[in-house]
Amino acid sequence: MKLIINWLDRVIMKPDDEQMLKTIKGEVNEFMSGFPMYPELGS
């Protein structure tokens, strides 16, 4: 949960920082790859 709060905080504090937003997007995508929506479909 702290990880998600950290992402939200960083975005709220610097919403116009495009490089940071790209970095956070990558971090979120990496994190979410561990939680597939439909695991029964495979990857």
PDB file of N, CA and C in Angstrom:
ATOM      1  N   MET A   1       0.810  -1.181   0.000  1.00  0.00           N
ATOM      2  CA  MET A   1       0.000   0.000   0.000  1.00  0.00           C
ATOM      3  C   MET A   1       0.865   1.261   0.000  1.00  0.00           C
ATOM      4  N   LYS A   2       1.983   1.220   0.716  1.00  0.00           N
ATOM      5  CA  LYS A   2       2.885   2.375   0.752  1.00  0.00           C
ATOM      6  C   LYS A   2       3.398   2.712  -0.640  1.00  0.00           C
ATOM      7  N   LEU A   3       3.604   1.699  -1.459  1.00  0.00           N
ATOM      8  CA  LEU A   3       4.091   1.910  -2.814  1.00  0.00           C
ATOM      9  C   LEU A   3       3.074   2.706  -3.631  1.00  0.00           C
ATOM     10  N   ILE A   4       1.828   2.359  -3.520  1.00  0.00           N
ATOM     11  CA  ILE A   4       0.767   3.051  -4.256  1.00  0.00           C
ATOM     12  C   ILE A   4       0.634   4.489  -3.765  1.00  0.00           C
ATOM     13  N   ILE A   5       0.688   4.680  -2.474  1.00  0.00           N
ATOM     14  CA  ILE A   5       0.613   6.030  -1.911  1.00  0.00           C
ATOM     15  C   ILE A   5       1.781   6.868  -2.394  1.00  0.00           C
ATOM     16  N   ASN A   6       2.949   6.262  -2.474  1.00  0.00           N
ATOM     17  CA  ASN A   6       4.126   6.972  -2.961  1.00  0.00           C
ATOM     18  C   ASN A   6       3.931   7.415  -4.409  1.00  0.00           C
ATOM     19  N   TRP A   7       3.407   6.537  -5.257  1.00  0.00           N
ATOM     20  CA  TRP A   7       3.153   6.912  -6.655  1.00  0.00           C
ATOM     21  C   TRP A   7       2.172   8.080  -6.725  1.00  0.00           C
ATOM     22  N   LEU A   8       1.080   7.977  -5.972  1.00  0.00           N
ATOM     23  CA  LEU A   8       0.071   9.045  -5.972  1.00  0.00           C
ATOM     24  C   LEU A   8       0.674  10.366  -5.498  1.00  0.00           C
ATOM     25  N   ASP A   9       1.447  10.321  -4.439  1.00  0.00           N
ATOM     26  CA  ASP A   9       2.068  11.522  -3.905  1.00  0.00           C
ATOM     27  C   ASP A   9       2.980  12.178  -4.935  1.00  0.00           C
ATOM     28  N   ARG A  10       3.804  11.385  -5.588  1.00  0.00           N
ATOM     29  CA  ARG A  10       4.735  11.929  -6.577  1.00  0.00           C
ATOM     30  C   ARG A  10       3.994  12.575  -7.741  1.00  0.00           C
ATOM     31  N   VAL A  11       2.918  11.961  -8.187  1.00  0.00           N
ATOM     32  CA  VAL A  11       2.145  12.516  -9.300  1.00  0.00           C
ATOM     33  C   VAL A  11       1.435  13.799  -8.875  1.00  0.00           C
ATOM     34  N   ILE A  12       0.862  13.807  -7.692  1.00  0.00           N
ATOM     35  CA  ILE A  12       0.149  14.993  -7.213  1.00  0.00           C
ATOM     36  C   ILE A  12       1.111  16.167  -7.016  1.00  0.00           C
ATOM     37  N   MET A  13       2.306  15.880  -6.520  1.00  0.00           N
ATOM     38  CA  MET A  13       3.263  16.950  -6.248  1.00  0.00           C
ATOM     39  C   MET A  13       3.887  17.537  -7.512  1.00  0.00           C
ATOM     40  N   LYS A  14       4.035  16.727  -8.560  1.00  0.00           N
ATOM     41  CA  LYS A  14       4.664  17.212  -9.798  1.00  0.00           C
ATOM     42  C   LYS A  14       3.921  16.666 -11.018  1.00  0.00           C
ATOM     43  N   PRO A  15       2.686  17.100 -11.225  1.00  0.00           N
ATOM     44  CA  PRO A  15       1.881  16.542 -12.320  1.00  0.00           C
ATOM     45  C   PRO A  15       2.394  16.886 -13.721  1.00  0.00           C
ATOM     46  N   ASP A  16       3.265  17.887 -13.834  1.00  0.00           N
ATOM     47  CA  ASP A  16       3.767  18.290 -15.149  1.00  0.00           C
ATOM     48  C   ASP A  16       5.139  17.710 -15.476  1.00  0.00           C
ATOM     49  N   ASP A  17       5.691  16.893 -14.605  1.00  0.00           N
ATOM     50  CA  ASP A  17       7.018  16.299 -14.810  1.00  0.00           C
ATOM     51  C   ASP A  17       6.860  15.038 -15.659  1.00  0.00           C
ATOM     52  N   GLU A  18       6.982  15.210 -16.963  1.00  0.00           N
ATOM     53  CA  GLU A  18       6.740  14.110 -17.905  1.00  0.00           C
ATOM     54  C   GLU A  18       7.681  12.922 -17.687  1.00  0.00           C
ATOM     55  N   GLN A  19       8.942  13.189 -17.394  1.00  0.00           N
ATOM     56  CA  GLN A  19       9.897  12.094 -17.184  1.00  0.00           C
ATOM     57  C   GLN A  19       9.523  11.280 -15.950  1.00  0.00           C
ATOM     58  N   MET A  20       9.134  11.967 -14.886  1.00  0.00           N
ATOM     59  CA  MET A  20       8.731  11.253 -13.677  1.00  0.00           C
ATOM     60  C   MET A  20       7.468  10.434 -13.931  1.00  0.00           C
ATOM     61  N   LEU A  21       6.520  10.992 -14.683  1.00  0.00           N
ATOM     62  CA  LEU A  21       5.297  10.260 -14.997  1.00  0.00           C
ATOM     63  C   LEU A  21       5.603   8.992 -15.794  1.00  0.00           C
ATOM     64  N   LYS A  22       6.544   9.071 -16.724  1.00  0.00           N
ATOM     65  CA  LYS A  22       6.939   7.885 -17.493  1.00  0.00           C
ATOM     66  C   LYS A  22       7.582   6.846 -16.580  1.00  0.00           C
ATOM     67  N   THR A  23       8.398   7.326 -15.647  1.00  0.00           N
ATOM     68  CA  THR A  23       9.050   6.418 -14.697  1.00  0.00           C
ATOM     69  C   THR A  23       8.011   5.710 -13.837  1.00  0.00           C
ATOM     70  N   ILE A  24       7.053   6.470 -13.325  1.00  0.00           N
ATOM     71  CA  ILE A  24       6.006   5.883 -12.481  1.00  0.00           C
ATOM     72  C   ILE A  24       5.167   4.908 -13.289  1.00  0.00           C
ATOM     73  N   LYS A  25       4.863   5.251 -14.519  1.00  0.00           N
ATOM     74  CA  LYS A  25       4.096   4.340 -15.376  1.00  0.00           C
ATOM     75  C   LYS A  25       4.827   3.004 -15.514  1.00  0.00           C
ATOM     76  N   GLY A  26       6.129   3.047 -15.717  1.00  0.00           N
ATOM     77  CA  GLY A  26       6.913   1.824 -15.813  1.00  0.00           C
ATOM     78  C   GLY A  26       6.893   1.030 -14.519  1.00  0.00           C
ATOM     79  N   GLU A  27       7.002   1.737 -13.390  1.00  0.00           N
ATOM     80  CA  GLU A  27       6.975   1.068 -12.094  1.00  0.00           C
ATOM     81  C   GLU A  27       5.617   0.401 -11.850  1.00  0.00           C
ATOM     82  N   VAL A  28       4.550   1.110 -12.203  1.00  0.00           N
ATOM     83  CA  VAL A  28       3.201   0.555 -12.021  1.00  0.00           C
ATOM     84  C   VAL A  28       3.017  -0.671 -12.917  1.00  0.00           C
ATOM     85  N   ASN A  29       3.429  -0.563 -14.170  1.00  0.00           N
ATOM     86  CA  ASN A  29       3.283  -1.699 -15.090  1.00  0.00           C
ATOM     87  C   ASN A  29       4.068  -2.914 -14.606  1.00  0.00           C
ATOM     88  N   GLU A  30       5.273  -2.671 -14.104  1.00  0.00           N
ATOM     89  CA  GLU A  30       6.085  -3.777 -13.580  1.00  0.00           C
ATOM     90  C   GLU A  30       5.395  -4.418 -12.374  1.00  0.00           C
ATOM     91  N   PHE A  31       4.896  -3.595 -11.475  1.00  0.00           N
ATOM     92  CA  PHE A  31       4.201  -4.091 -10.286  1.00  0.00           C
ATOM     93  C   PHE A  31       2.963  -4.892 -10.680  1.00  0.00           C
ATOM     94  N   MET A  32       2.179  -4.362 -11.599  1.00  0.00           N
ATOM     95  CA  MET A  32       0.919  -4.997 -11.981  1.00  0.00           C
ATOM     96  C   MET A  32       1.120  -6.275 -12.794  1.00  0.00           C
ATOM     97  N   SER A  33       2.281  -6.449 -13.377  1.00  0.00           N
ATOM     98  CA  SER A  33       2.533  -7.675 -14.143  1.00  0.00           C
ATOM     99  C   SER A  33       2.459  -8.913 -13.248  1.00  0.00           C
ATOM    100  N   GLY A  34       2.594  -8.716 -11.956  1.00  0.00           N
ATOM    101  CA  GLY A  34       2.487  -9.822 -11.008  1.00  0.00           C
ATOM    102  C   GLY A  34       1.049 -10.168 -10.647  1.00  0.00           C
ATOM    103  N   PHE A  35       0.098  -9.412 -11.188  1.00  0.00           N
ATOM    104  CA  PHE A  35      -1.310  -9.607 -10.869  1.00  0.00           C
ATOM    105  C   PHE A  35      -2.156  -9.606 -12.143  1.00  0.00           C
ATOM    106  N   PRO A  36      -2.027 -10.654 -12.971  1.00  0.00           N
ATOM    107  CA  PRO A  36      -2.786 -10.666 -14.229  1.00  0.00           C
ATOM    108  C   PRO A  36      -4.291 -10.709 -13.968  1.00  0.00           C
ATOM    109  N   MET A  37      -5.047 -10.010 -14.816  1.00  0.00           N
ATOM    110  CA  MET A  37      -6.500  -9.969 -14.654  1.00  0.00           C
ATOM    111  C   MET A  37      -7.130 -11.325 -14.895  1.00  0.00           C
ATOM    112  N   TYR A  38      -6.645 -12.026 -15.895  1.00  0.00           N
ATOM    113  CA  TYR A  38      -7.214 -13.318 -16.258  1.00  0.00           C
ATOM    114  C   TYR A  38      -6.069 -14.345 -16.331  1.00  0.00           C
ATOM    115  N   PRO A  39      -5.596 -14.808 -15.184  1.00  0.00           N
ATOM    116  CA  PRO A  39      -4.456 -15.725 -15.190  1.00  0.00           C
ATOM    117  C   PRO A  39      -4.733 -17.025 -15.928  1.00  0.00           C
ATOM    118  N   GLU A  40      -6.004 -17.418 -16.001  1.00  0.00           N
ATOM    119  CA  GLU A  40      -6.326 -18.660 -16.683  1.00  0.00           C
ATOM    120  C   GLU A  40      -6.098 -18.589 -18.198  1.00  0.00           C
ATOM    121  N   LEU A  41      -5.957 -17.387 -18.736  1.00  0.00           N
ATOM    122  CA  LEU A  41      -5.707 -17.230 -20.166  1.00  0.00           C
ATOM    123  C   LEU A  41      -4.231 -17.340 -20.509  1.00  0.00           C
ATOM    124  N   GLY A  42      -3.386 -17.309 -19.505  1.00  0.00           N
ATOM    125  CA  GLY A  42      -1.945 -17.379 -19.748  1.00  0.00           C
ATOM    126  C   GLY A  42      -1.418 -16.048 -20.226  1.00  0.00           C
ATOM    127  N   SER A  43      -0.109 -16.019 -20.502  1.00  0.00           N
ATOM    128  CA  SER A  43       0.458 -14.738 -20.955  1.00  0.00           C
ATOM    129  C   SER A  43       1.129 -14.868 -22.286  1.00  0.00           C
TER     130      SER A  43
END
